[in-house]
Amino acid sequence: MTTLKDLKAGDRGRVKGFDSQSQAYRRKLLSMGLTPGAELEVIRVAPLGDPVEIRVRGTSVSLRRDEAAALLLERLR
């Protein structure tokens, strides 16, 4: 498993869960549609790595680096 902050633009992933040390972001990520099993694509990453823009369930979402680190993913092709 990997985290969202490890992916580059064009990479795809499937949400597997959340980092146990980042419970503060869990509710926020769930409300954005980042539920276990949801597939996402990284659209772009800012030059300094913060924020990361992703597309999930047909919607573009921007996440800060700390939020991206809380999301555990399975890398897809």
C-alpha atoms as a PDB file:
ATOM      1  CA  MET A   1       0.000   0.000   0.000  1.00  0.00           C
ATOM      2  CA  THR A   2       1.013   3.574  -0.582  1.00  0.00           C
ATOM      3  CA  THR A   3      -0.274   7.037   0.308  1.00  0.00           C
ATOM      4  CA  LEU A   4      -1.689   9.674  -1.990  1.00  0.00           C
ATOM      5  CA  LYS A   5       1.308  11.939  -1.463  1.00  0.00           C
ATOM      6  CA  ASP A   6       3.529   9.273  -3.099  1.00  0.00           C
ATOM      7  CA  LEU A   7       1.615   9.324  -6.414  1.00  0.00           C
ATOM      8  CA  LYS A   8       2.453  11.534  -9.385  1.00  0.00           C
ATOM      9  CA  ALA A   9       0.227  13.244 -11.950  1.00  0.00           C
ATOM     10  CA  GLY A  10      -1.547  10.642 -14.093  1.00  0.00           C
ATOM     11  CA  ASP A  11      -1.309   7.863 -11.479  1.00  0.00           C
ATOM     12  CA  ARG A  12      -4.461   6.064 -10.382  1.00  0.00           C
ATOM     13  CA  GLY A  13      -5.332   4.423  -7.097  1.00  0.00           C
ATOM     14  CA  ARG A  14      -8.084   2.788  -5.056  1.00  0.00           C
ATOM     15  CA  VAL A  15      -8.786   3.851  -1.475  1.00  0.00           C
ATOM     16  CA  LYS A  16      -7.984   1.057   0.977  1.00  0.00           C
ATOM     17  CA  GLY A  17      -8.297   2.941   4.261  1.00  0.00           C
ATOM     18  CA  PHE A  18      -6.865   5.664   6.448  1.00  0.00           C
ATOM     19  CA  ASP A  19      -3.678   6.066   8.465  1.00  0.00           C
ATOM     20  CA  SER A  20      -4.457   5.307  12.111  1.00  0.00           C
ATOM     21  CA  GLN A  21      -2.455   8.367  13.265  1.00  0.00           C
ATOM     22  CA  SER A  22      -4.516  10.766  11.111  1.00  0.00           C
ATOM     23  CA  GLN A  23      -8.004  10.370  12.518  1.00  0.00           C
ATOM     24  CA  ALA A  24      -8.501  14.142  12.416  1.00  0.00           C
ATOM     25  CA  TYR A  25      -8.724  14.043   8.609  1.00  0.00           C
ATOM     26  CA  ARG A  26     -10.785  10.851   8.315  1.00  0.00           C
ATOM     27  CA  ARG A  27     -14.229  12.457   8.554  1.00  0.00           C
ATOM     28  CA  LYS A  28     -13.281  15.237   6.113  1.00  0.00           C
ATOM     29  CA  LEU A  29     -11.957  12.753   3.535  1.00  0.00           C
ATOM     30  CA  LEU A  30     -15.046  10.554   3.871  1.00  0.00           C
ATOM     31  CA  SER A  31     -17.308  13.556   3.272  1.00  0.00           C
ATOM     32  CA  MET A  32     -15.382  14.301   0.046  1.00  0.00           C
ATOM     33  CA  GLY A  33     -16.243  10.863  -1.336  1.00  0.00           C
ATOM     34  CA  LEU A  34     -12.926   9.228  -0.496  1.00  0.00           C
ATOM     35  CA  THR A  35     -14.484   6.073   0.909  1.00  0.00           C
ATOM     36  CA  PRO A  36     -12.837   2.628   0.855  1.00  0.00           C
ATOM     37  CA  GLY A  37     -13.072   1.178  -2.656  1.00  0.00           C
ATOM     38  CA  ALA A  38     -13.350   4.560  -4.424  1.00  0.00           C
ATOM     39  CA  GLU A  39     -11.009   4.968  -7.395  1.00  0.00           C
ATOM     40  CA  LEU A  40      -9.161   8.216  -7.975  1.00  0.00           C
ATOM     41  CA  GLU A  41      -6.737   9.786 -10.421  1.00  0.00           C
ATOM     42  CA  VAL A  42      -4.060  12.358  -9.623  1.00  0.00           C
ATOM     43  CA  ILE A  43      -4.616  15.317 -11.951  1.00  0.00           C
ATOM     44  CA  ARG A  44      -1.721  17.522 -10.848  1.00  0.00           C
ATOM     45  CA  VAL A  45       0.663  18.173  -8.005  1.00  0.00           C
ATOM     46  CA  ALA A  46       1.772  21.714  -7.141  1.00  0.00           C
ATOM     47  CA  PRO A  47       5.499  22.426  -7.658  1.00  0.00           C
ATOM     48  CA  LEU A  48       6.231  22.249  -3.930  1.00  0.00           C
ATOM     49  CA  GLY A  49       3.958  19.215  -3.457  1.00  0.00           C
ATOM     50  CA  ASP A  50       1.100  21.023  -1.727  1.00  0.00           C
ATOM     51  CA  PRO A  51      -1.786  20.839  -2.736  1.00  0.00           C
ATOM     52  CA  VAL A  52      -2.564  17.721  -4.785  1.00  0.00           C
ATOM     53  CA  GLU A  53      -5.521  17.796  -7.191  1.00  0.00           C
ATOM     54  CA  ILE A  54      -7.366  14.503  -7.695  1.00  0.00           C
ATOM     55  CA  ARG A  55     -10.496  13.389  -9.505  1.00  0.00           C
ATOM     56  CA  VAL A  56     -12.761  11.077  -7.540  1.00  0.00           C
ATOM     57  CA  ARG A  57     -16.333  10.102  -8.483  1.00  0.00           C
ATOM     58  CA  GLY A  58     -16.303  12.671 -11.322  1.00  0.00           C
ATOM     59  CA  THR A  59     -15.348  15.578  -9.059  1.00  0.00           C
ATOM     60  CA  SER A  60     -12.029  17.400  -8.770  1.00  0.00           C
ATOM     61  CA  VAL A  61     -10.764  17.768  -5.205  1.00  0.00           C
ATOM     62  CA  SER A  62      -7.628  19.478  -3.884  1.00  0.00           C
ATOM     63  CA  LEU A  63      -5.973  18.082  -0.770  1.00  0.00           C
ATOM     64  CA  ARG A  64      -3.139  19.410   1.336  1.00  0.00           C
ATOM     65  CA  ARG A  65      -0.049  17.271   1.896  1.00  0.00           C
ATOM     66  CA  ASP A  66      -1.097  16.256   5.440  1.00  0.00           C
ATOM     67  CA  GLU A  67      -4.528  15.149   4.228  1.00  0.00           C
ATOM     68  CA  ALA A  68      -2.972  13.242   1.323  1.00  0.00           C
ATOM     69  CA  ALA A  69      -0.664  11.393   3.725  1.00  0.00           C
ATOM     70  CA  ALA A  70      -3.672  10.144   5.724  1.00  0.00           C
ATOM     71  CA  LEU A  71      -5.123   8.266   2.740  1.00  0.00           C
ATOM     72  CA  LEU A  72      -3.904   4.687   2.158  1.00  0.00           C
ATOM     73  CA  LEU A  73      -4.175   3.525  -1.448  1.00  0.00           C
ATOM     74  CA  GLU A  74      -3.678   0.540  -3.694  1.00  0.00           C
ATOM     75  CA  ARG A  75      -1.844   1.738  -6.809  1.00  0.00           C
ATOM     76  CA  LEU A  76      -3.655   0.896 -10.040  1.00  0.00           C
ATOM     77  CA  ARG A  77      -2.084   0.477 -13.455  1.00  0.00           C
END
